[in-house]
Amino acid sequence: MGERFIELSSDDLARYQMLMYANGSRGSSKRLLIVLQGMDASGKGGIVRHVFNQGNPMGMHYKGFGKPTEEELSHDFL
């Protein structure tokens, strides 16, 4: 089932990325930010690999964060 979803969604992801790039080259300031939060081994890396494999990596920026600091751990929100 997962392979079928990837097959179907890859064309859509590539098309949407191309449309966003085209709009950006015409002066649009719209951007898309995706934030993935989850425990270790929750599948975040698999999602990132899936998205990067379907689109053009030249139009994507990825930032991974390491272990939270003591101050960050003291907050109960993202």
N, C-alpha and C. Protein backbone atom coordinates (compact mmCIF):
# COMPACT_ATOMS: atom_id res chain seq x y z
N MET A 1 0.81 -1.19 0.00
CA MET A 1 0.00 0.00 0.00
C MET A 1 0.87 1.27 0.00
N GLY A 2 1.95 1.27 0.78
CA GLY A 2 2.82 2.43 0.84
C GLY A 2 3.47 2.75 -0.50
N GLU A 3 3.86 1.71 -1.23
CA GLU A 3 4.49 1.93 -2.53
C GLU A 3 3.51 2.58 -3.50
N ARG A 4 2.24 2.18 -3.43
CA ARG A 4 1.21 2.76 -4.32
C ARG A 4 1.01 4.24 -3.98
N PHE A 5 1.00 4.58 -2.69
CA PHE A 5 0.85 5.98 -2.29
C PHE A 5 2.02 6.80 -2.82
N ILE A 6 3.24 6.28 -2.69
CA ILE A 6 4.42 7.01 -3.18
C ILE A 6 4.32 7.21 -4.69
N GLU A 7 3.89 6.20 -5.39
CA GLU A 7 3.74 6.29 -6.84
C GLU A 7 2.73 7.39 -7.22
N LEU A 8 1.61 7.42 -6.51
CA LEU A 8 0.57 8.41 -6.81
C LEU A 8 0.97 9.82 -6.38
N SER A 9 1.61 9.93 -5.23
CA SER A 9 1.91 11.26 -4.70
C SER A 9 3.14 11.90 -5.33
N SER A 10 4.04 11.13 -5.91
CA SER A 10 5.28 11.71 -6.44
C SER A 10 5.00 12.71 -7.56
N ASP A 11 4.07 12.40 -8.44
CA ASP A 11 3.74 13.34 -9.51
C ASP A 11 3.15 14.62 -8.94
N ASP A 12 2.28 14.50 -7.95
CA ASP A 12 1.66 15.68 -7.34
C ASP A 12 2.69 16.54 -6.64
N LEU A 13 3.58 15.92 -5.87
CA LEU A 13 4.61 16.70 -5.16
C LEU A 13 5.50 17.46 -6.13
N ALA A 14 5.94 16.80 -7.19
CA ALA A 14 6.80 17.44 -8.18
C ALA A 14 6.06 18.58 -8.88
N ARG A 15 4.79 18.37 -9.20
CA ARG A 15 4.00 19.41 -9.88
C ARG A 15 3.80 20.62 -8.98
N TYR A 16 3.44 20.40 -7.72
CA TYR A 16 3.24 21.52 -6.80
C TYR A 16 4.53 22.29 -6.57
N GLN A 17 5.64 21.58 -6.48
CA GLN A 17 6.91 22.26 -6.30
C GLN A 17 7.22 23.13 -7.52
N MET A 18 6.96 22.62 -8.71
CA MET A 18 7.22 23.37 -9.94
C MET A 18 6.33 24.63 -9.99
N LEU A 19 5.07 24.49 -9.58
CA LEU A 19 4.17 25.64 -9.56
C LEU A 19 4.63 26.70 -8.57
N MET A 20 5.08 26.25 -7.38
CA MET A 20 5.58 27.22 -6.40
C MET A 20 6.84 27.92 -6.91
N TYR A 21 7.71 27.20 -7.59
CA TYR A 21 8.92 27.80 -8.15
C TYR A 21 8.55 28.83 -9.22
N ALA A 22 7.61 28.45 -10.10
CA ALA A 22 7.19 29.37 -11.16
C ALA A 22 6.58 30.64 -10.57
N ASN A 23 5.75 30.49 -9.54
CA ASN A 23 5.16 31.66 -8.91
C ASN A 23 6.23 32.52 -8.24
N GLY A 24 7.23 31.89 -7.65
CA GLY A 24 8.32 32.63 -7.02
C GLY A 24 9.14 33.41 -8.03
N SER A 25 9.33 32.86 -9.21
CA SER A 25 10.10 33.57 -10.24
C SER A 25 9.33 34.76 -10.79
N ARG A 26 8.02 34.81 -10.54
CA ARG A 26 7.19 35.95 -10.97
C ARG A 26 6.96 36.93 -9.82
N GLY A 27 7.68 36.75 -8.73
CA GLY A 27 7.63 37.71 -7.64
C GLY A 27 6.80 37.32 -6.44
N SER A 28 6.21 36.15 -6.45
CA SER A 28 5.41 35.73 -5.29
C SER A 28 6.33 35.47 -4.10
N SER A 29 5.88 35.91 -2.93
CA SER A 29 6.69 35.70 -1.72
C SER A 29 6.16 34.53 -0.90
N LYS A 30 5.24 33.76 -1.44
CA LYS A 30 4.67 32.63 -0.71
C LYS A 30 5.69 31.51 -0.58
N ARG A 31 5.72 30.92 0.60
CA ARG A 31 6.63 29.81 0.90
C ARG A 31 5.85 28.75 1.66
N LEU A 32 6.43 27.59 1.77
CA LEU A 32 5.82 26.50 2.52
C LEU A 32 6.82 26.03 3.56
N LEU A 33 6.39 25.96 4.80
CA LEU A 33 7.22 25.47 5.90
C LEU A 33 6.53 24.25 6.47
N ILE A 34 7.26 23.17 6.55
CA ILE A 34 6.74 21.94 7.13
C ILE A 34 7.56 21.64 8.38
N VAL A 35 6.91 21.46 9.49
CA VAL A 35 7.58 21.14 10.75
C VAL A 35 7.14 19.74 11.16
N LEU A 36 8.10 18.87 11.35
CA LEU A 36 7.83 17.51 11.79
C LEU A 36 8.36 17.36 13.22
N GLN A 37 7.49 16.98 14.10
CA GLN A 37 7.90 16.76 15.49
C GLN A 37 7.45 15.38 15.91
N GLY A 38 8.34 14.63 16.50
CA GLY A 38 7.99 13.30 16.97
C GLY A 38 9.10 12.71 17.80
N MET A 39 8.77 11.67 18.50
CA MET A 39 9.75 10.96 19.31
C MET A 39 10.76 10.25 18.40
N ASP A 40 11.85 9.77 18.98
CA ASP A 40 12.81 8.99 18.22
C ASP A 40 12.11 7.79 17.59
N ALA A 41 12.50 7.46 16.38
CA ALA A 41 11.97 6.31 15.64
C ALA A 41 10.48 6.44 15.33
N SER A 42 9.99 7.70 15.21
CA SER A 42 8.58 7.90 14.89
C SER A 42 8.32 8.01 13.39
N GLY A 43 9.37 8.01 12.58
CA GLY A 43 9.19 8.04 11.13
C GLY A 43 9.46 9.37 10.46
N LYS A 44 10.00 10.32 11.20
CA LYS A 44 10.28 11.64 10.62
C LYS A 44 11.27 11.54 9.47
N GLY A 45 12.31 10.75 9.64
CA GLY A 45 13.32 10.61 8.59
C GLY A 45 12.75 10.00 7.32
N GLY A 46 11.86 9.04 7.47
CA GLY A 46 11.22 8.42 6.31
C GLY A 46 10.38 9.41 5.54
N ILE A 47 9.68 10.27 6.25
CA ILE A 47 8.88 11.29 5.59
C ILE A 47 9.77 12.26 4.82
N VAL A 48 10.85 12.69 5.45
CA VAL A 48 11.78 13.62 4.79
C VAL A 48 12.36 12.97 3.54
N ARG A 49 12.81 11.73 3.64
CA ARG A 49 13.36 11.04 2.46
C ARG A 49 12.33 10.95 1.35
N HIS A 50 11.10 10.63 1.70
CA HIS A 50 10.03 10.51 0.71
C HIS A 50 9.84 11.84 -0.02
N VAL A 51 9.74 12.93 0.72
CA VAL A 51 9.48 14.23 0.10
C VAL A 51 10.67 14.66 -0.76
N PHE A 52 11.89 14.51 -0.25
CA PHE A 52 13.06 14.92 -1.02
C PHE A 52 13.25 14.07 -2.26
N ASN A 53 12.88 12.82 -2.22
CA ASN A 53 13.03 11.96 -3.40
C ASN A 53 12.02 12.28 -4.49
N GLN A 54 10.90 12.88 -4.14
CA GLN A 54 9.85 13.14 -5.12
C GLN A 54 10.00 14.48 -5.82
N GLY A 55 10.65 15.43 -5.20
CA GLY A 55 10.78 16.76 -5.77
C GLY A 55 12.21 17.07 -6.17
N ASN A 56 12.43 18.30 -6.55
CA ASN A 56 13.76 18.76 -6.92
C ASN A 56 14.45 19.27 -5.66
N PRO A 57 15.52 18.63 -5.21
CA PRO A 57 16.18 19.05 -3.97
C PRO A 57 16.77 20.45 -4.04
N MET A 58 16.97 20.98 -5.25
CA MET A 58 17.50 22.35 -5.38
C MET A 58 16.51 23.38 -4.84
N GLY A 59 15.24 23.04 -4.77
CA GLY A 59 14.24 23.97 -4.28
C GLY A 59 13.81 23.71 -2.86
N MET A 60 14.56 22.89 -2.14
CA MET A 60 14.20 22.54 -0.77
C MET A 60 15.36 22.83 0.18
N HIS A 61 15.02 23.21 1.38
CA HIS A 61 16.02 23.42 2.43
C HIS A 61 15.60 22.59 3.63
N TYR A 62 16.54 21.88 4.20
CA TYR A 62 16.26 20.98 5.31
C TYR A 62 17.12 21.36 6.49
N LYS A 63 16.52 21.43 7.66
CA LYS A 63 17.27 21.73 8.88
C LYS A 63 16.87 20.73 9.95
N GLY A 64 17.79 19.92 10.37
CA GLY A 64 17.54 18.98 11.45
C GLY A 64 18.03 19.57 12.76
N PHE A 65 17.36 19.27 13.84
CA PHE A 65 17.74 19.77 15.15
C PHE A 65 18.17 18.61 16.02
N GLY A 66 19.16 18.84 16.82
CA GLY A 66 19.67 17.80 17.70
C GLY A 66 18.92 17.75 19.02
N LYS A 67 19.57 17.19 19.98
CA LYS A 67 18.99 17.03 21.31
C LYS A 67 18.66 18.40 21.89
N PRO A 68 17.45 18.54 22.48
CA PRO A 68 17.07 19.83 23.06
C PRO A 68 17.93 20.21 24.26
N THR A 69 18.09 21.50 24.46
CA THR A 69 18.84 21.99 25.62
C THR A 69 17.96 21.85 26.87
N GLU A 70 18.56 22.09 28.05
CA GLU A 70 17.81 22.02 29.30
C GLU A 70 16.66 23.03 29.31
N GLU A 71 16.92 24.23 28.80
CA GLU A 71 15.87 25.25 28.74
C GLU A 71 14.73 24.81 27.82
N GLU A 72 15.07 24.25 26.66
CA GLU A 72 14.03 23.77 25.73
C GLU A 72 13.22 22.65 26.36
N LEU A 73 13.87 21.78 27.11
CA LEU A 73 13.16 20.68 27.76
C LEU A 73 12.20 21.18 28.84
N SER A 74 12.45 22.36 29.38
CA SER A 74 11.59 22.89 30.44
C SER A 74 10.25 23.39 29.90
N HIS A 75 10.16 23.57 28.58
CA HIS A 75 8.90 24.02 27.95
C HIS A 75 8.09 22.80 27.50
N ASP A 76 6.77 22.88 27.64
CA ASP A 76 5.93 21.76 27.23
C ASP A 76 5.28 22.01 25.86
N PHE A 77 5.91 22.80 25.03
CA PHE A 77 5.38 23.11 23.70
C PHE A 77 6.51 23.12 22.69
N LEU A 78 6.16 23.15 21.43
CA LEU A 78 7.16 23.15 20.35
C LEU A 78 7.98 24.41 20.36
